[in-house]
Protein backbone atom coordinates (compact mmCIF):
# COMPACT_ATOMS: atom_id res chain seq x y z
CA MET A 1 98.06 105.68 139.67
CA GLU A 2 100.73 103.70 137.88
CA GLN A 3 99.27 102.35 134.32
CA PRO A 4 100.35 98.48 133.50
CA GLN A 5 103.12 98.49 130.55
CA ARG A 6 100.40 96.73 128.75
CA GLY A 7 96.80 97.14 129.17
CA ILE A 8 94.03 97.74 127.58
CA ARG A 9 91.82 101.44 128.87
CA ALA A 10 88.92 102.02 126.56
CA VAL A 11 84.50 103.56 127.53
CA TYR A 12 83.03 100.35 127.89
CA THR A 13 79.64 99.77 129.34
CA ASP A 14 78.36 96.63 131.02
CA SER A 15 77.53 95.04 126.62
CA THR A 16 79.97 96.84 124.64
CA VAL A 17 83.25 98.49 124.48
CA THR A 18 83.97 101.48 122.51
CA VAL A 19 87.12 101.38 119.78
CA TYR A 20 88.00 104.61 117.39
CA GLN A 21 88.78 104.50 113.44
CA ALA A 22 89.23 106.81 110.72
CA TYR A 23 88.05 106.70 106.95
CA SER A 24 87.60 108.86 104.64
CA PRO A 25 84.41 110.63 104.11
CA GLU A 26 82.91 108.33 100.94
CA ILE A 27 83.15 105.42 103.95
CA GLY A 28 82.74 107.41 107.05
CA LEU A 29 79.62 109.37 106.54
CA PRO A 30 77.76 106.81 105.34
CA ALA A 31 78.63 104.89 107.95
CA VAL A 32 77.46 107.35 110.54
CA ARG A 33 74.54 108.35 108.90
CA GLU A 34 73.84 104.53 108.89
CA GLY A 35 75.21 103.31 111.80
CA ARG A 36 76.62 100.89 109.93
CA PHE A 37 79.99 99.73 107.86
CA PRO A 38 78.40 100.60 103.88
CA ALA A 39 78.60 98.04 101.40
CA LEU A 40 82.27 100.32 100.01
CA TRP A 41 83.67 99.26 103.37
CA LYS A 42 86.16 95.79 102.08
CA ARG A 43 85.05 92.95 104.50
CA ASP A 44 87.99 90.70 103.44
CA ARG A 45 90.78 93.17 104.38
CA MET A 46 92.84 94.10 107.46
CA THR A 47 91.24 96.83 109.78
CA TRP A 48 92.46 97.65 113.29
CA ILE A 49 90.36 99.30 116.13
CA LYS A 50 92.03 100.92 118.82
CA PRO A 51 90.51 101.56 122.47
CA SER A 52 92.36 104.66 122.35
CA PHE A 53 90.99 107.73 121.76
CA LEU A 54 94.36 109.29 121.61
CA TRP A 55 96.69 106.75 119.77
CA MET A 56 93.32 106.80 117.12
CA MET A 57 93.88 110.85 117.45
CA TYR A 58 97.67 110.68 117.01
CA ARG A 59 97.38 108.09 113.85
CA CYS A 60 94.85 110.05 112.02
CA GLY A 61 96.32 113.56 112.79
CA TRP A 62 92.81 114.77 114.77
CA GLY A 63 91.10 113.71 111.42
CA ALA A 64 93.89 115.63 109.48
CA LYS A 65 95.28 113.21 107.88
CA GLU A 66 94.30 112.61 104.13
CA GLY A 67 91.45 109.47 103.69
CA GLN A 68 91.10 109.96 107.22
CA GLU A 69 89.00 112.97 108.00
CA VAL A 70 86.36 111.17 109.34
CA VAL A 71 86.78 109.88 112.87
CA LEU A 72 84.58 107.16 114.30
CA ALA A 73 83.44 106.21 117.56
CA VAL A 74 82.10 102.42 117.19
CA GLU A 75 80.32 101.02 120.10
CA ILE A 76 80.63 96.80 119.31
CA SER A 77 79.36 94.14 121.96
CA ARG A 78 81.69 93.04 124.91
CA ASP A 79 81.19 89.38 123.70
CA GLY A 80 82.77 90.01 120.11
CA PHE A 81 85.74 92.36 121.30
CA ASP A 82 86.35 89.69 123.63
CA TRP A 83 86.27 86.42 120.62
CA ALA A 84 88.90 88.69 119.05
CA LEU A 85 91.27 88.85 122.15
CA ARG A 86 91.11 85.20 122.82
CA ASN A 87 91.42 84.04 118.75
CA ALA A 88 94.62 87.09 118.08
CA CYS A 89 97.82 86.63 117.61
CA LEU A 90 100.58 88.95 118.24
CA SER A 91 101.51 90.72 115.67
CA SER A 92 105.55 90.23 116.12
CA TYR A 93 107.76 87.54 117.26
CA ALA A 94 107.67 87.60 120.88
CA ARG A 95 110.64 85.32 122.33
CA GLY A 96 109.31 83.64 126.35
CA VAL A 97 105.15 83.84 124.38
CA HIS A 98 105.92 81.64 121.45
CA ALA A 99 107.69 78.16 121.21
CA ASP A 100 110.05 80.06 118.05
CA ARG A 101 109.23 81.80 115.22
CA ALA A 102 107.99 79.65 112.98
CA THR A 103 105.44 78.66 115.99
CA TRP A 104 104.26 81.92 115.99
CA GLN A 105 103.89 82.88 112.10
CA ARG A 106 101.68 79.37 111.86
CA GLN A 107 99.62 81.47 114.42
CA LEU A 108 99.95 83.96 112.85
CA LYS A 109 98.61 83.37 109.38
CA ARG A 110 95.53 81.09 111.33
CA ALA A 111 94.53 84.43 113.66
CA PRO A 112 91.32 85.84 112.28
CA ALA A 113 92.85 89.23 114.85
CA ARG A 114 96.56 90.53 115.64
CA VAL A 115 97.48 92.78 118.51
CA GLN A 116 100.51 95.53 118.65
CA TRP A 117 101.33 97.24 121.91
CA ASP A 118 101.82 100.61 120.89
CA PRO A 119 103.05 103.56 123.42
CA GLU A 120 100.17 105.10 124.08
CA ARG A 121 99.77 109.27 123.74
CA ASP A 122 99.17 112.23 125.95
CA LEU A 123 97.36 115.31 124.97
CA ARG A 124 99.95 116.58 122.68
CA LEU A 125 100.46 113.20 120.98
CA GLN A 126 103.62 112.40 122.64
CA PRO A 127 104.90 109.00 123.45
CA LEU A 128 103.68 107.77 126.88
CA PRO A 129 105.94 105.35 128.57
CA TYR A 130 103.13 102.43 128.68
CA ARG A 131 101.62 101.02 125.60
CA SER A 132 97.95 101.08 124.11
CA LEU A 133 96.19 97.46 122.60
CA GLN A 134 95.56 98.07 118.46
CA LEU A 135 93.72 95.01 117.70
CA GLY A 136 93.22 94.44 113.57
CA LEU A 137 90.66 92.33 112.49
CA SER A 138 90.70 89.94 108.83
CA GLY A 139 88.42 87.50 107.76
CA GLU A 140 85.92 85.93 110.26
CA ALA A 141 87.15 88.56 112.79
CA ALA A 142 86.20 92.27 110.51
CA ARG A 143 82.88 90.06 108.72
CA ARG A 144 82.07 89.64 112.79
CA TYR A 145 83.01 93.06 113.28
CA ALA A 146 81.22 94.90 110.88
CA ASP A 147 77.57 92.46 110.28
CA GLU A 148 77.55 91.53 113.89
CA TRP A 149 79.27 92.81 116.74
CA THR A 150 78.74 96.63 115.79
CA VAL A 151 75.95 98.45 118.03
CA ALA A 152 76.48 102.18 116.99
CA ILE A 153 78.51 104.22 115.00
CA ARG A 154 78.95 107.96 116.09
CA GLY A 155 80.83 110.56 114.49
CA VAL A 156 83.89 112.19 116.78
CA THR A 157 85.40 113.71 114.06
CA PRO A 158 84.01 117.79 115.57
CA LEU A 159 85.19 116.19 119.02
CA ALA A 160 88.69 115.57 118.07
CA HIS A 161 89.09 119.26 116.19
CA GLU A 162 87.59 120.70 119.42
CA ILE A 163 89.91 119.46 121.70
CA GLN A 164 93.00 119.84 119.36
CA ALA A 165 92.54 123.41 119.40
CA LEU A 166 92.31 123.59 122.63
CA VAL A 167 95.46 122.14 122.68
CA ARG A 168 97.15 124.93 120.54
CA SER A 169 95.60 127.04 122.72
CA GLY A 170 97.37 125.95 125.68
CA ASP A 171 94.20 124.72 127.71
CA LEU A 172 95.50 121.07 127.84
CA ASP A 173 92.58 121.06 131.14
CA SER A 174 89.71 122.01 129.33
CA ALA A 175 91.06 119.20 126.53
CA ASP A 176 91.81 116.87 129.03
CA ARG A 177 87.46 117.22 130.49
CA LEU A 178 86.74 116.44 127.23
CA LEU A 179 88.23 113.54 126.26
CA PRO A 180 86.16 110.60 126.54
CA GLN A 181 86.60 108.63 130.19
CA GLU A 182 88.80 105.29 129.31
CA HIS A 183 89.25 103.01 132.63
CA ALA A 184 91.31 99.75 132.21
CA TYR A 185 89.35 96.95 130.64
CA PRO A 186 88.23 94.01 133.20
CA VAL A 187 89.37 90.84 131.32
CA GLU A 188 90.43 87.59 133.03
CA ASP A 189 95.10 87.48 132.62
CA ALA A 190 94.30 84.19 131.16
CA CYS A 191 92.53 86.30 127.62
CA LEU A 192 95.73 88.02 127.79
CA ALA A 193 98.31 85.47 128.74
CA HIS A 194 98.99 84.90 124.62
CA LEU A 195 98.70 88.94 123.93
CA ARG A 196 101.34 90.17 126.62
CA GLY A 197 104.65 89.91 124.38
């Protein structure tokens, strides 16, 4: 099935959507243990969440990059995720979406969330011809993400390592069967119109 050029694919339920992040053990391990982000997690900094498991694997090197050794699957409320999308601004200027560069800069400064569309990845972490959502949260959005929207946090580092080992051995079919089953996330076109870029 052909993928839309820019689309949100995710694991989701009626009330939640799963996003991925990777942290150092100092943050990641307490987050898994307690099911919430520890005090060490900075609520005043931009944090990027990714609904795509394979894009997260590309970003964190299957959990091998320094400071990204603990891969988290963070289940958040769909209401919160949708709020972030509605209140987001593209992270770069897009002609036709923004009236002009100055308007975009003003919107970006005010927006509590930012969107980037980066090439989706395959099992070998090579770019695919369509893009996946990266959602940056700051200010109010980051605080709400950590303190209101988060429903559960699971550690998925062992899963990442298992899939990587299968990919390295050439067993792509087995690796593919272990991937989280992501589907097109149902969101109204009006909710994404200002983020198409």
